[in-house]
Structure formats: structure tokens, C-alpha cells
Amino acid sequence: MAIELNPIEDTLDAIPEHLHELYTQEGDKYKLTAVKGLKTSEDVAKLSEALRKERSDLAAAKSELSAYKDLQLEPSAILE
């Protein structure tokens, strides 16, 4: 028999009683906390935002450095 466990539940009514200890109440929700490595949608959203920012920063850096490439300047020549 397979049991579906959602990472966040409004109530524990649909969860078998022997599995209630896997959940921790946080505010008005119950969060599955006894499983290590389980990622929530909040974790995925944070990671996605960090990845978006890194990609944006990389695009800005490439754009800025392309001006030097267009001038055919080498980094060593700029330092001199």
C-alpha cells in the first residue's frame, strides 16, 4: 500500500496517525520535516531566483566586456 505524503499539509486528517510524528506544525500548516533532503517549493523558488540573478549578472558582464573585444584590446594591454 502506497501512501502519498505532501511536503505541506493544511491538516493531518488525511495522514495516518502513525505518520503524524513526521510533520511539524509551522503556523497554521504542517510541514514534513522528518525526511532529510526533501526540497519544498520555497527551496526551489529561492534557488531559481539565485540562478536567475547569476544569469543576469553574467549577461551584464559579457556585455560590458564585449566593448573591449570590439576594440580588439587584450587584457594585458589594458593593464599596461
N, C-alpha and C. Protein backbone atom coordinates (compact mmCIF):
# COMPACT_ATOMS: atom_id res chain seq x y z
N MET A 1 0.85 -1.18 0.00
CA MET A 1 0.00 0.00 0.00
C MET A 1 0.89 1.24 0.00
N ALA A 2 0.71 2.09 -0.97
CA ALA A 2 1.48 3.31 -1.09
C ALA A 2 0.73 4.46 -0.43
N ILE A 3 1.48 5.30 0.28
CA ILE A 3 0.90 6.47 0.93
C ILE A 3 1.57 7.70 0.34
N GLU A 4 0.78 8.65 -0.10
CA GLU A 4 1.31 9.90 -0.62
C GLU A 4 1.46 10.89 0.52
N LEU A 5 2.67 11.41 0.67
CA LEU A 5 2.93 12.42 1.68
C LEU A 5 3.30 13.72 0.98
N ASN A 6 2.53 14.74 1.24
CA ASN A 6 2.82 16.05 0.69
C ASN A 6 3.76 16.79 1.63
N PRO A 7 4.65 17.63 1.09
CA PRO A 7 5.59 18.35 1.96
C PRO A 7 4.90 19.32 2.92
N ILE A 8 3.72 19.83 2.53
CA ILE A 8 2.98 20.75 3.39
C ILE A 8 1.52 20.35 3.38
N GLU A 9 0.94 20.24 4.53
CA GLU A 9 -0.47 19.87 4.69
C GLU A 9 -1.19 20.94 5.51
N ASP A 10 -2.45 21.18 5.18
CA ASP A 10 -3.27 22.09 6.00
C ASP A 10 -3.65 21.43 7.32
N THR A 11 -4.03 20.15 7.25
CA THR A 11 -4.36 19.37 8.44
C THR A 11 -3.74 17.98 8.30
N LEU A 12 -3.69 17.27 9.38
CA LEU A 12 -3.16 15.90 9.36
C LEU A 12 -4.27 14.87 9.29
N ASP A 13 -5.49 15.29 8.99
CA ASP A 13 -6.62 14.38 8.96
C ASP A 13 -6.44 13.26 7.93
N ALA A 14 -5.86 13.56 6.78
CA ALA A 14 -5.71 12.56 5.72
C ALA A 14 -4.45 11.70 5.90
N ILE A 15 -3.62 12.03 6.88
CA ILE A 15 -2.37 11.31 7.13
C ILE A 15 -2.61 10.27 8.21
N PRO A 16 -2.17 9.02 7.98
CA PRO A 16 -2.30 8.00 9.03
C PRO A 16 -1.64 8.46 10.33
N GLU A 17 -2.26 8.13 11.43
CA GLU A 17 -1.82 8.63 12.74
C GLU A 17 -0.37 8.27 13.06
N HIS A 18 0.07 7.10 12.64
CA HIS A 18 1.46 6.71 12.96
C HIS A 18 2.48 7.53 12.18
N LEU A 19 2.05 8.34 11.21
CA LEU A 19 2.96 9.20 10.45
C LEU A 19 2.90 10.67 10.87
N HIS A 20 2.06 10.98 11.84
CA HIS A 20 1.94 12.36 12.31
C HIS A 20 3.26 12.89 12.86
N GLU A 21 4.07 12.01 13.42
CA GLU A 21 5.34 12.45 14.00
C GLU A 21 6.34 12.93 12.95
N LEU A 22 6.07 12.65 11.68
CA LEU A 22 6.94 13.13 10.61
C LEU A 22 6.72 14.60 10.29
N TYR A 23 5.62 15.15 10.78
CA TYR A 23 5.24 16.53 10.48
C TYR A 23 5.46 17.43 11.68
N THR A 24 5.81 18.69 11.40
CA THR A 24 5.97 19.72 12.43
C THR A 24 5.02 20.86 12.08
N GLN A 25 4.30 21.34 13.08
CA GLN A 25 3.37 22.44 12.83
C GLN A 25 4.14 23.74 12.77
N GLU A 26 3.91 24.48 11.67
CA GLU A 26 4.51 25.80 11.49
C GLU A 26 3.38 26.75 11.13
N GLY A 27 2.98 27.54 12.10
CA GLY A 27 1.83 28.43 11.90
C GLY A 27 0.57 27.61 11.81
N ASP A 28 -0.19 27.78 10.74
CA ASP A 28 -1.42 27.02 10.58
C ASP A 28 -1.25 25.85 9.62
N LYS A 29 -0.02 25.53 9.24
CA LYS A 29 0.28 24.43 8.32
C LYS A 29 1.14 23.39 9.02
N TYR A 30 1.18 22.20 8.43
CA TYR A 30 2.04 21.13 8.91
C TYR A 30 3.07 20.83 7.82
N LYS A 31 4.33 20.86 8.21
CA LYS A 31 5.42 20.69 7.25
C LYS A 31 6.13 19.36 7.52
N LEU A 32 6.37 18.61 6.45
CA LEU A 32 7.08 17.34 6.55
C LEU A 32 8.55 17.63 6.84
N THR A 33 9.00 17.32 8.04
CA THR A 33 10.36 17.70 8.45
C THR A 33 11.24 16.50 8.79
N ALA A 34 10.68 15.31 8.85
CA ALA A 34 11.46 14.15 9.28
C ALA A 34 12.20 13.47 8.13
N VAL A 35 12.07 13.98 6.93
CA VAL A 35 12.74 13.38 5.77
C VAL A 35 13.87 14.30 5.35
N LYS A 36 15.10 13.81 5.47
CA LYS A 36 16.26 14.64 5.11
C LYS A 36 16.36 14.79 3.61
N GLY A 37 16.73 15.99 3.18
CA GLY A 37 16.95 16.25 1.77
C GLY A 37 15.70 16.58 0.98
N LEU A 38 14.55 16.60 1.61
CA LEU A 38 13.31 16.91 0.91
C LEU A 38 13.25 18.40 0.63
N LYS A 39 13.05 18.75 -0.63
CA LYS A 39 13.00 20.15 -1.02
C LYS A 39 11.55 20.60 -1.18
N THR A 40 11.27 21.77 -0.67
CA THR A 40 9.92 22.33 -0.79
C THR A 40 9.88 23.30 -1.97
N SER A 41 8.71 23.75 -2.30
CA SER A 41 8.57 24.72 -3.39
C SER A 41 9.27 26.03 -3.03
N GLU A 42 9.33 26.36 -1.74
CA GLU A 42 10.06 27.56 -1.31
C GLU A 42 11.56 27.41 -1.62
N ASP A 43 12.11 26.23 -1.37
CA ASP A 43 13.52 25.99 -1.65
C ASP A 43 13.81 26.13 -3.15
N VAL A 44 12.93 25.57 -3.95
CA VAL A 44 13.09 25.64 -5.40
C VAL A 44 12.98 27.08 -5.89
N ALA A 45 12.05 27.85 -5.31
CA ALA A 45 11.88 29.25 -5.71
C ALA A 45 13.12 30.07 -5.36
N LYS A 46 13.71 29.83 -4.19
CA LYS A 46 14.93 30.55 -3.79
C LYS A 46 16.07 30.23 -4.74
N LEU A 47 16.21 28.95 -5.06
CA LEU A 47 17.28 28.53 -5.96
C LEU A 47 17.07 29.10 -7.36
N SER A 48 15.84 29.09 -7.82
CA SER A 48 15.53 29.64 -9.15
C SER A 48 15.84 31.13 -9.21
N GLU A 49 15.52 31.86 -8.16
CA GLU A 49 15.80 33.30 -8.11
C GLU A 49 17.31 33.55 -8.11
N ALA A 50 18.06 32.76 -7.35
CA ALA A 50 19.52 32.91 -7.32
C ALA A 50 20.11 32.61 -8.70
N LEU A 51 19.60 31.58 -9.36
CA LEU A 51 20.08 31.24 -10.69
C LEU A 51 19.75 32.33 -11.70
N ARG A 52 18.55 32.90 -11.60
CA ARG A 52 18.16 33.99 -12.50
C ARG A 52 19.09 35.18 -12.33
N LYS A 53 19.41 35.51 -11.06
CA LYS A 53 20.30 36.64 -10.77
C LYS A 53 21.70 36.38 -11.33
N GLU A 54 22.21 35.18 -11.14
CA GLU A 54 23.55 34.85 -11.66
C GLU A 54 23.58 34.95 -13.17
N ARG A 55 22.53 34.48 -13.83
CA ARG A 55 22.49 34.57 -15.30
C ARG A 55 22.42 36.02 -15.76
N SER A 56 21.67 36.82 -15.03
CA SER A 56 21.57 38.24 -15.36
C SER A 56 22.91 38.94 -15.18
N ASP A 57 23.59 38.63 -14.07
CA ASP A 57 24.91 39.23 -13.81
C ASP A 57 25.92 38.80 -14.87
N LEU A 58 25.86 37.54 -15.29
CA LEU A 58 26.77 37.05 -16.32
C LEU A 58 26.52 37.75 -17.65
N ALA A 59 25.26 37.94 -18.00
CA ALA A 59 24.92 38.63 -19.24
C ALA A 59 25.43 40.07 -19.20
N ALA A 60 25.30 40.74 -18.05
CA ALA A 60 25.79 42.11 -17.92
C ALA A 60 27.31 42.16 -18.04
N ALA A 61 28.00 41.21 -17.43
CA ALA A 61 29.46 41.17 -17.51
C ALA A 61 29.92 40.91 -18.94
N LYS A 62 29.27 39.98 -19.62
CA LYS A 62 29.63 39.70 -21.01
C LYS A 62 29.41 40.92 -21.89
N SER A 63 28.32 41.62 -21.66
CA SER A 63 28.02 42.81 -22.44
C SER A 63 29.08 43.88 -22.22
N GLU A 64 29.48 44.05 -20.97
CA GLU A 64 30.49 45.05 -20.63
C GLU A 64 31.84 44.69 -21.24
N LEU A 65 32.20 43.43 -21.19
CA LEU A 65 33.49 43.01 -21.72
C LEU A 65 33.52 42.97 -23.25
N SER A 66 32.35 42.87 -23.86
CA SER A 66 32.32 42.84 -25.32
C SER A 66 32.81 44.15 -25.92
N ALA A 67 32.67 45.25 -25.20
CA ALA A 67 33.15 46.55 -25.68
C ALA A 67 34.67 46.51 -25.87
N TYR A 68 35.38 45.87 -24.96
CA TYR A 68 36.83 45.74 -25.07
C TYR A 68 37.21 44.83 -26.23
N LYS A 69 36.42 43.79 -26.43
CA LYS A 69 36.68 42.86 -27.52
C LYS A 69 36.49 43.56 -28.86
N ASP A 70 35.45 44.40 -28.95
CA ASP A 70 35.20 45.15 -30.18
C ASP A 70 36.37 46.09 -30.52
N LEU A 71 37.03 46.59 -29.49
CA LEU A 71 38.19 47.46 -29.69
C LEU A 71 39.48 46.68 -29.92
N GLN A 72 39.36 45.36 -29.85
CA GLN A 72 40.49 44.44 -30.02
C GLN A 72 41.61 44.73 -29.02
N LEU A 73 41.19 44.98 -27.78
CA LEU A 73 42.16 45.20 -26.71
C LEU A 73 42.34 43.90 -25.94
N GLU A 74 43.57 43.59 -25.64
CA GLU A 74 43.89 42.43 -24.83
C GLU A 74 43.95 42.86 -23.37
N PRO A 75 43.54 42.00 -22.45
CA PRO A 75 43.63 42.37 -21.02
C PRO A 75 45.02 42.81 -20.59
N SER A 76 46.05 42.17 -21.11
CA SER A 76 47.41 42.56 -20.72
C SER A 76 47.74 43.98 -21.21
N ALA A 77 47.24 44.38 -22.37
CA ALA A 77 47.48 45.72 -22.89
C ALA A 77 46.76 46.76 -22.05
N ILE A 78 45.61 46.44 -21.54
CA ILE A 78 44.84 47.35 -20.70
C ILE A 78 45.57 47.59 -19.38
N LEU A 79 46.15 46.53 -18.83
CA LEU A 79 46.86 46.66 -17.56
C LEU A 79 48.11 47.51 -17.70
N GLU A 80 48.74 47.49 -18.85
CA GLU A 80 49.95 48.30 -19.06
C GLU A 80 49.58 49.75 -19.13
